């Protein structure tokens, strides 16, 4: 929307208390109401926060009214924007709003033309955010590729159903192990849809939505929210390094804003060994405070148990999944929710046993067995190694296919992996599915 010219009239600024309500009432923000006219209001929110395009506004505790953003600007002091009050009987109108520089006692008047669109007679209801408990074993599902490099959706859902049968509580599709960042945006949406079409419940899906572009991450999050996924895993934007917490906060805020009213719960994906960008505890604190009920947890793939424990201890009620089963029993004792581990693709039963029996006498033995499998895979490239084992288990050579820049294991590396005592029992061929 084009910004109109400033008038030079001055008037004293008045402040009233407002509350912005969005995400179907799940979330809200306090704001200052600097001016009110017949068709809208000028609002200010301190700090870099995401403001959805449509929301409800309550002023001084009055009944909330539907609004939409007609104009906005941002600076280090916060976000300032004009909320146009939705009025189905109103046509084109001119909102005259007061706009002040940060710290100023007087304001200039800004005129903004606003087209207020009539509300449709029926509006689709936003999907209710999933209430499924976030706990247990959620494998980051390997993605099979055909020999031509395309995603093999039939084999994918077969593998996902096998993981559930082997004890997984849910499926963290589109993760690092899934080669998600080697998939197009459209392919990622199709991965989600393929599971729903195959009869897997949306509440059993935890899709990865990480992307460097805000709109890509928001598109995937919105799609996950629309189908009712349990939550999503959100990587930090990982291309630029040494970025500030303010920049990462703004990224998350905009992803949430652009996901709209169906924004799902978000688990922050902390994997600095790969992304080289992470979520600091100070930033996590800000995000929890700004987006309660939305930013609800973390997958911690730092490989540092002390970091995992510090997140659990610092944020009571925050859902924390370690990204490797090697620390699962200790993490459960510290208050972790479960595990999201690559090797669950081939050892779901073994890791589920640790989750179920971490307080029992045989827990150390179960943990050691699980660790041995992990160690064997880590001696090779993790994803090609997992796919090599899956190709044996499913009796299907195409399971070895990976997308560049990854390459399949060499015959020698494959033989060495299959000779590992902890891996050999996992090679038993499963019945072929048509």
Protein backbone atom coordinates (compact mmCIF):
# COMPACT_ATOMS: atom_id res chain seq x y z
CA UNK A 1 0.00 0.00 0.00
CA UNK A 2 1.30 3.40 -0.94
CA UNK A 3 2.06 5.74 1.93
CA UNK A 4 0.29 9.13 1.66
CA UNK A 5 1.98 12.45 2.32
CA UNK A 6 2.45 13.63 5.90
CA UNK A 7 0.47 16.64 7.00
CA UNK A 8 2.27 19.15 9.18
CA UNK A 9 -0.40 19.42 11.85
CA UNK A 10 0.70 18.54 15.39
CA UNK A 11 -1.22 17.20 18.31
CA UNK A 12 -0.39 15.62 21.64
CA UNK A 13 -0.06 11.87 21.69
CA UNK A 14 -2.47 9.86 23.85
CA UNK A 15 -1.98 6.22 24.84
CA UNK A 16 -4.62 3.60 25.53
CA UNK A 17 -4.19 -0.08 26.33
CA UNK A 18 -4.85 -2.55 23.56
CA UNK A 19 -4.61 -6.29 23.15
CA UNK A 20 -4.01 -8.06 19.84
CA UNK A 21 -5.60 -11.51 19.73
CA UNK A 22 -4.65 -14.02 17.03
CA UNK A 23 -4.13 -17.71 16.23
CA UNK A 24 -7.80 -18.44 17.00
CA UNK A 25 -7.41 -16.99 20.48
CA UNK A 26 -4.35 -19.08 21.39
CA UNK A 27 -2.01 -16.09 21.39
CA UNK A 28 -2.15 -12.40 22.17
CA UNK A 29 0.08 -9.35 22.54
CA UNK A 30 -0.24 -6.16 24.53
CA UNK A 31 0.03 -2.97 22.50
CA UNK A 32 -0.26 0.78 22.89
CA UNK A 33 -3.10 2.48 21.04
CA UNK A 34 -1.83 5.86 19.96
CA UNK A 35 -4.83 7.09 18.00
CA UNK A 36 -8.29 5.88 17.02
CA UNK A 37 -10.44 6.95 14.11
CA UNK A 38 -13.76 5.72 12.78
CA UNK A 39 -12.11 3.16 10.55
CA UNK A 40 -9.01 2.05 12.42
CA UNK A 41 -6.35 2.57 15.04
CA UNK A 42 -2.62 3.25 15.21
CA UNK A 43 -0.92 0.60 17.33
CA UNK A 44 2.60 0.17 18.62
CA UNK A 45 4.25 -2.97 19.96
CA UNK A 46 7.73 -2.76 21.53
CA UNK A 47 10.35 -5.14 20.23
CA UNK A 48 10.62 -7.07 16.98
CA UNK A 49 7.48 -9.22 16.99
CA UNK A 50 5.43 -10.85 14.29
CA UNK A 51 2.06 -9.22 13.68
CA UNK A 52 -0.40 -11.34 11.70
CA UNK A 53 -2.18 -9.69 8.81
CA UNK A 54 -5.58 -10.38 10.40
CA UNK A 55 -6.38 -10.41 14.10
CA UNK A 56 -8.83 -9.12 16.69
CA UNK A 57 -8.25 -5.94 18.67
CA UNK A 58 -9.56 -5.14 22.11
CA UNK A 59 -9.11 -1.57 23.43
CA UNK A 60 -9.32 -0.89 27.18
CA UNK A 61 -10.87 -4.31 27.71
CA UNK A 62 -13.80 -3.77 25.34
CA UNK A 63 -15.15 -6.45 23.02
CA UNK A 64 -12.57 -7.51 20.47
CA UNK A 65 -13.19 -6.44 16.87
CA UNK A 66 -11.74 -8.03 13.71
CA UNK A 67 -8.93 -6.02 12.12
CA UNK A 68 -6.28 -6.27 9.47
CA UNK A 69 -2.96 -4.50 8.98
CA UNK A 70 -3.23 -1.59 6.52
CA UNK A 71 0.23 -0.05 6.95
CA UNK A 72 3.29 -0.84 9.02
CA UNK A 73 6.82 0.24 9.72
CA UNK A 74 9.60 -1.19 11.89
CA UNK A 75 12.61 0.17 13.67
CA UNK A 76 14.70 -0.83 16.67
CA UNK A 77 12.04 0.60 18.98
CA UNK A 78 9.45 -1.85 17.77
CA UNK A 79 6.66 -2.28 15.24
CA UNK A 80 4.15 0.46 14.47
CA UNK A 81 1.17 -0.23 12.27
CA UNK A 82 -2.34 0.85 11.37
CA UNK A 83 -5.13 -1.62 12.07
CA UNK A 84 -8.11 -1.16 9.76
CA UNK A 85 -11.30 -2.20 11.51
CA UNK A 86 -13.15 -4.65 9.29
CA UNK A 87 -16.56 -3.32 8.30
CA UNK A 88 -18.61 -5.22 5.71
CA UNK A 89 -20.68 -2.13 4.95
CA UNK A 90 -17.72 0.19 4.41
CA UNK A 91 -16.33 1.06 1.02
CA UNK A 92 -13.03 2.79 0.26
CA UNK A 93 -12.07 5.16 3.03
CA UNK A 94 -9.21 7.29 4.27
CA UNK A 95 -7.68 6.57 7.65
CA UNK A 96 -5.95 9.54 9.27
CA UNK A 97 -3.51 8.25 11.83
CA UNK A 98 -0.92 9.82 14.08
CA UNK A 99 2.67 8.77 13.44
CA UNK A 100 5.49 9.81 15.78
CA UNK A 101 9.22 9.38 15.71
CA UNK A 102 10.58 7.27 18.57
CA UNK A 103 10.59 9.29 21.78
CA UNK A 104 8.72 12.24 20.31
CA UNK A 105 6.02 13.99 22.34
CA UNK A 106 4.08 15.15 19.30
CA UNK A 107 3.04 13.44 16.12
CA UNK A 108 2.52 14.04 12.44
CA UNK A 109 -0.71 12.95 10.82
CA UNK A 110 -0.43 10.28 8.15
CA UNK A 111 -3.28 9.64 5.75
CA UNK A 112 -3.52 6.10 4.39
CA UNK A 113 -6.17 5.04 1.85
CA UNK A 114 -7.66 1.69 2.84
CA UNK A 115 -9.89 -0.61 0.85
CA UNK A 116 -12.00 -2.45 3.44
CA UNK A 117 -13.24 -5.66 1.89
CA UNK A 118 -16.58 -7.11 2.83
CA UNK A 119 -16.40 -10.19 5.00
CA UNK A 120 -17.52 -13.37 3.22
CA UNK A 121 -20.76 -14.78 4.57
CA UNK A 122 -18.98 -17.96 5.63
CA UNK A 123 -15.35 -18.09 6.66
CA UNK A 124 -13.43 -21.37 6.94
CA UNK A 125 -12.48 -22.14 10.49
CA UNK A 126 -8.79 -22.43 11.26
CA UNK A 127 -7.62 -25.93 12.03
CA UNK A 128 -7.32 -26.46 15.75
CA UNK A 129 -3.71 -26.74 16.85
CA UNK A 130 -2.83 -30.33 17.66
CA UNK A 131 -3.13 -31.29 21.32
CA UNK A 132 -1.17 -34.54 20.92
CA UNK A 133 1.45 -34.88 23.66
CA UNK A 134 4.93 -34.32 22.28
CA UNK A 135 6.89 -37.19 23.77
CA UNK A 136 8.42 -40.51 22.88
CA UNK A 137 10.38 -41.72 19.87
CA UNK A 138 10.01 -39.76 16.62
CA UNK A 139 12.39 -41.04 13.90
CA UNK A 140 13.51 -38.50 11.27
CA UNK A 141 12.29 -40.64 8.40
CA UNK A 142 14.72 -41.49 5.59
CA UNK A 143 13.41 -40.49 2.16
CA UNK A 144 13.71 -43.16 -0.56
CA UNK A 145 14.53 -42.12 -4.13
CA UNK A 146 13.88 -43.93 -7.37
CA UNK A 147 16.76 -44.60 -9.74
CA UNK A 148 15.83 -41.43 -11.64
CA UNK A 149 16.25 -39.39 -8.44
CA UNK A 150 12.57 -38.68 -7.81
CA UNK A 151 10.98 -39.28 -4.41
CA UNK A 152 9.50 -42.76 -4.07
CA UNK A 153 6.37 -41.99 -2.07
CA UNK A 154 5.14 -45.59 -2.02
CA UNK A 155 8.32 -46.86 -0.36
CA UNK A 156 8.35 -43.82 1.92
CA UNK A 157 4.97 -44.51 3.50
CA UNK A 158 5.77 -48.21 3.73
CA UNK A 159 8.87 -47.34 5.74
CA UNK A 160 6.95 -44.90 7.93
CA UNK A 161 4.32 -47.52 8.73
CA UNK A 162 7.07 -49.99 9.59
CA UNK A 163 8.61 -47.49 11.99
CA UNK A 164 5.26 -47.04 13.73
CA UNK A 165 4.89 -50.82 13.93
CA UNK A 166 8.38 -51.02 15.46
CA UNK A 167 7.37 -48.70 18.29
CA UNK A 168 7.80 -45.13 17.06
CA UNK A 169 5.31 -42.74 18.64
CA UNK A 170 5.38 -40.45 15.62
CA UNK A 171 7.32 -39.52 12.50
CA UNK A 172 9.69 -36.56 12.16
CA UNK A 173 9.47 -36.40 8.38
CA UNK A 174 11.57 -33.91 6.41
CA UNK A 175 14.46 -33.79 8.86
CA UNK A 176 18.21 -33.79 8.28
CA UNK A 177 18.22 -37.57 7.90
CA UNK A 178 15.35 -37.19 5.41
CA UNK A 179 17.60 -35.11 3.12
CA UNK A 180 14.89 -32.47 3.36
CA UNK A 181 17.10 -29.61 2.23
CA UNK A 182 17.77 -31.56 -0.96
CA UNK A 183 14.03 -31.61 -1.71
CA UNK A 184 12.05 -28.89 -3.45
CA UNK A 185 9.28 -27.07 -1.61
CA UNK A 186 6.68 -28.90 -3.66
CA UNK A 187 8.30 -32.28 -2.90
CA UNK A 188 8.23 -31.51 0.80
CA UNK A 189 4.53 -30.74 0.69
CA UNK A 190 3.97 -33.98 -1.21
CA UNK A 191 5.86 -35.94 1.47
CA UNK A 192 3.43 -34.62 4.08
CA UNK A 193 0.40 -35.32 1.90
CA UNK A 194 1.55 -38.83 1.00
CA UNK A 195 1.44 -39.83 4.65
CA UNK A 196 -2.08 -38.45 5.12
CA UNK A 197 -3.30 -40.14 1.94
CA UNK A 198 -1.81 -43.43 3.19
CA UNK A 199 -3.95 -43.25 6.33
CA UNK A 200 -1.30 -42.08 8.80
CA UNK A 201 -2.78 -39.63 11.28
CA UNK A 202 -1.67 -36.03 10.93
CA UNK A 203 -1.09 -35.91 14.69
CA UNK A 204 1.66 -38.50 14.19
CA UNK A 205 3.63 -36.17 11.91
CA UNK A 206 6.34 -33.74 12.98
CA UNK A 207 7.50 -32.21 9.69
CA UNK A 208 10.70 -30.25 9.34
CA UNK A 209 10.00 -26.80 7.91
CA UNK A 210 13.51 -25.37 7.96
CA UNK A 211 14.42 -23.02 5.11
CA UNK A 212 16.53 -19.93 4.68
CA UNK A 213 13.66 -18.06 3.00
CA UNK A 214 10.93 -16.91 5.39
CA UNK A 215 8.12 -17.58 2.94
CA UNK A 216 9.34 -21.13 2.27
CA UNK A 217 9.42 -21.93 5.98
CA UNK A 218 6.02 -20.29 6.49
CA UNK A 219 4.50 -22.15 3.53
CA UNK A 220 5.53 -25.50 4.98
CA UNK A 221 4.45 -24.55 8.51
CA UNK A 222 1.09 -23.35 7.24
CA UNK A 223 0.57 -26.59 5.31
CA UNK A 224 1.47 -28.64 8.39
CA UNK A 225 -0.94 -26.57 10.46
CA UNK A 226 -3.74 -26.97 7.95
CA UNK A 227 -3.58 -30.76 8.08
CA UNK A 228 -3.26 -30.80 11.90
CA UNK A 229 0.33 -31.99 12.35
CA UNK A 230 1.54 -32.52 15.91
CA UNK A 231 4.08 -29.70 15.50
CA UNK A 232 6.90 -28.67 13.18
CA UNK A 233 10.68 -28.59 13.52
CA UNK A 234 12.14 -25.20 12.61
CA UNK A 235 15.80 -24.78 11.73
CA UNK A 236 17.39 -21.36 12.09
CA UNK A 237 18.14 -19.70 8.74
CA UNK A 238 21.53 -21.30 8.25
CA UNK A 239 23.23 -19.69 5.27
CA UNK A 240 24.44 -16.49 6.96
CA UNK A 241 26.71 -17.07 9.95
CA UNK A 242 27.31 -15.02 13.10
CA UNK A 243 23.80 -13.55 12.94
CA UNK A 244 22.33 -11.86 16.00
CA UNK A 245 19.58 -13.12 18.27
CA UNK A 246 17.52 -10.12 17.08
CA UNK A 247 17.81 -11.35 13.51
CA UNK A 248 16.84 -14.90 14.43
CA UNK A 249 13.94 -13.60 16.52
CA UNK A 250 12.68 -11.56 13.56
CA UNK A 251 12.91 -14.65 11.34
CA UNK A 252 10.78 -16.77 13.68
CA UNK A 253 8.31 -13.92 14.21
CA UNK A 254 7.76 -13.51 10.50
CA UNK A 255 7.41 -17.26 9.93
CA UNK A 256 4.70 -17.34 12.59
CA UNK A 257 3.01 -14.24 11.20
CA UNK A 258 2.98 -15.53 7.63
CA UNK A 259 1.80 -18.98 8.68
CA UNK A 260 -1.50 -17.34 9.57
CA UNK A 261 -4.14 -18.55 12.01
CA UNK A 262 -3.28 -22.23 11.46
CA UNK A 263 0.33 -21.87 12.64
CA UNK A 264 1.25 -25.16 14.35
CA UNK A 265 3.31 -25.69 17.47
CA UNK A 266 7.01 -25.16 16.82
CA UNK A 267 10.00 -27.10 18.09
CA UNK A 268 13.22 -25.18 17.52
CA UNK A 269 15.80 -27.36 15.81
CA UNK A 270 19.20 -26.78 17.42
CA UNK A 271 21.95 -28.41 15.35
CA UNK A 272 25.00 -26.12 15.38
CA UNK A 273 27.39 -28.87 14.17
CA UNK A 274 25.53 -28.76 10.82
CA UNK A 275 23.80 -25.37 10.64
CA UNK A 276 26.61 -23.43 12.41
CA UNK A 277 23.77 -21.26 13.74
CA UNK A 278 21.93 -22.07 16.96
CA UNK A 279 19.22 -20.97 19.37
CA UNK A 280 20.69 -19.36 22.50
CA UNK A 281 18.90 -19.67 25.83
CA UNK A 282 18.32 -15.90 25.85
CA UNK A 283 16.63 -16.14 22.47
CA UNK A 284 14.59 -19.17 23.52
CA UNK A 285 13.36 -17.19 26.53
CA UNK A 286 12.22 -14.32 24.29
CA UNK A 287 10.44 -16.64 21.88
CA UNK A 288 8.60 -18.52 24.64
CA UNK A 289 7.43 -15.21 26.12
CA UNK A 290 6.35 -13.74 22.78
CA UNK A 291 4.69 -16.87 21.38
CA UNK A 292 3.26 -18.92 24.25
CA UNK A 293 1.65 -22.12 23.09
CA UNK A 294 3.42 -21.87 19.73
CA UNK A 295 7.15 -22.08 20.48
CA UNK A 296 6.89 -25.07 22.80
CA UNK A 297 10.10 -27.07 22.56
CA UNK A 298 13.44 -27.97 20.99
CA UNK A 299 15.22 -30.81 19.28
CA UNK A 300 18.75 -30.51 20.63
CA UNK A 301 21.26 -32.05 18.24
CA UNK A 302 24.22 -30.23 19.74
CA UNK A 303 25.59 -33.53 21.00
CA UNK A 304 26.27 -31.82 24.33
CA UNK A 305 24.35 -33.34 27.24
CA UNK A 306 25.08 -30.35 29.46
CA UNK A 307 23.41 -28.07 26.92
CA UNK A 308 20.38 -30.35 26.73
CA UNK A 309 20.12 -30.37 30.51
CA UNK A 310 20.50 -26.60 30.74
CA UNK A 311 17.57 -26.08 28.37
CA UNK A 312 15.44 -28.52 30.37
CA UNK A 313 16.38 -26.89 33.67
CA UNK A 314 16.03 -23.30 32.44
CA UNK A 315 12.59 -23.67 30.84
CA UNK A 316 10.24 -25.86 32.89
CA UNK A 317 7.51 -27.30 30.69
CA UNK A 318 9.53 -26.76 27.52
CA UNK A 319 9.55 -29.96 25.46
CA UNK A 320 13.14 -31.09 24.80
CA UNK A 321 14.16 -33.99 22.58
CA UNK A 322 17.84 -34.94 22.38
CA UNK A 323 18.89 -35.61 18.81
CA UNK A 324 20.75 -38.83 19.59
CA UNK A 325 19.82 -41.88 21.65
CA UNK A 326 23.30 -42.06 23.17
CA UNK A 327 22.13 -39.81 26.01
CA UNK A 328 18.50 -40.94 26.14
CA UNK A 329 18.43 -42.58 29.59
CA UNK A 330 20.29 -39.66 31.20
CA UNK A 331 18.14 -37.15 29.35
CA UNK A 332 14.92 -38.86 30.46
CA UNK A 333 16.13 -38.72 34.05
CA UNK A 334 16.76 -34.99 33.57
CA UNK A 335 13.25 -34.41 32.18
CA UNK A 336 13.57 -34.88 28.42
CA UNK A 337 10.47 -35.72 26.39
CA UNK A 338 11.98 -38.51 24.33
CA UNK A 339 14.27 -38.78 21.34
CA UNK A 340 14.43 -37.78 17.67
CA UNK A 341 17.30 -39.88 16.35
CA UNK A 342 18.53 -40.81 12.87
CA UNK A 343 19.35 -44.39 13.80
CA UNK A 344 15.74 -45.01 14.81
CA UNK A 345 15.26 -45.64 11.08
CA UNK A 346 16.93 -49.04 11.61
CA UNK A 347 16.75 -49.51 15.40
CA UNK A 348 13.37 -48.16 16.48
CA UNK A 349 12.67 -51.16 18.69
CA UNK A 350 15.98 -50.86 20.52
CA UNK A 351 15.60 -47.14 21.16
CA UNK A 352 11.95 -47.54 22.17
CA UNK A 353 13.09 -50.09 24.75
CA UNK A 354 15.41 -47.49 26.30
CA UNK A 355 12.58 -44.96 26.37
CA UNK A 356 10.17 -47.39 28.01
CA UNK A 357 12.59 -48.89 30.56
CA UNK A 358 15.07 -46.15 31.39
CA UNK A 359 14.25 -46.50 35.11
CA UNK A 360 14.57 -50.28 35.17
CA UNK A 361 17.54 -52.41 36.14
CA UNK A 362 18.41 -53.42 32.57
CA UNK A 363 18.41 -49.81 31.31
CA UNK A 364 22.24 -49.55 31.14
CA UNK A 365 22.39 -52.70 29.02
CA UNK A 366 19.68 -51.42 26.67
CA UNK A 367 21.41 -48.06 26.41
CA UNK A 368 24.75 -49.70 25.59
CA UNK A 369 23.14 -51.80 22.84
CA UNK A 370 21.57 -48.72 21.29
CA UNK A 371 24.83 -46.80 21.55
CA UNK A 372 26.71 -49.56 19.74
CA UNK A 373 24.40 -49.24 16.73
CA UNK A 374 24.84 -45.48 16.70
CA UNK A 375 28.62 -45.72 16.94
CA UNK A 376 28.78 -48.15 14.03
CA UNK A 377 26.76 -45.81 11.80
CA UNK A 378 28.80 -42.77 12.83
CA UNK A 379 31.97 -44.46 11.53
CA UNK A 380 30.44 -44.00 8.08
CA UNK A 381 28.39 -41.25 6.48
CA UNK A 382 25.18 -41.45 8.51
CA UNK A 383 22.49 -41.12 5.83
CA UNK A 384 24.13 -43.36 3.20
CA UNK A 385 24.85 -45.90 5.95
CA UNK A 386 21.23 -45.95 7.12
CA UNK A 387 20.03 -46.34 3.55
CA UNK A 388 22.43 -49.20 2.95
CA UNK A 389 20.97 -51.07 5.94
CA UNK A 390 17.43 -50.29 4.77
CA UNK A 391 18.23 -51.61 1.28
CA UNK A 392 19.18 -54.90 2.91
CA UNK A 393 16.22 -55.03 5.26
CA UNK A 394 13.71 -54.30 2.52
CA UNK A 395 15.55 -56.38 -0.10
CA UNK A 396 15.43 -53.32 -2.34
CA UNK A 397 18.67 -51.92 -3.85
CA UNK A 398 16.99 -48.60 -4.71
CA UNK A 399 16.91 -47.77 -1.00
CA UNK A 400 20.64 -47.06 -1.30
CA UNK A 401 19.93 -44.05 -3.54
CA UNK A 402 20.77 -40.62 -2.10
CA UNK A 403 20.67 -37.17 -3.62
CA UNK A 404 23.84 -35.21 -4.33
CA UNK A 405 25.91 -33.94 -2.68
CA UNK A 406 25.59 -37.20 -0.70
CA UNK A 407 26.91 -40.38 -2.32
CA UNK A 408 26.05 -44.00 -1.61
CA UNK A 409 28.44 -46.15 0.39
CA UNK A 410 31.16 -47.87 -1.58
CA UNK A 411 30.99 -51.69 -1.67
CA UNK A 412 33.90 -51.83 0.77
CA UNK A 413 32.31 -49.41 3.25
CA UNK A 414 29.03 -51.27 2.96
CA UNK A 415 30.70 -54.60 3.73
CA UNK A 416 32.49 -53.09 6.73
CA UNK A 417 29.25 -51.63 8.09
CA UNK A 418 27.36 -54.89 7.64
CA UNK A 419 30.15 -56.70 9.47
CA UNK A 420 29.66 -54.62 12.63
CA UNK A 421 28.33 -56.90 15.41
CA UNK A 422 25.69 -54.36 16.41
CA UNK A 423 24.44 -53.88 12.82
CA UNK A 424 24.35 -57.47 11.57
CA UNK A 425 21.17 -58.39 13.53
CA UNK A 426 19.37 -55.42 11.92
CA UNK A 427 19.89 -56.68 8.38
CA UNK A 428 17.16 -59.33 8.47
CA UNK A 429 15.03 -58.95 5.39
CA UNK A 430 11.46 -57.86 5.97
CA UNK A 431 8.58 -59.20 3.85
CA UNK A 432 8.25 -57.26 0.59
CA UNK A 433 5.19 -55.09 0.18
CA UNK A 434 3.53 -54.71 -3.19
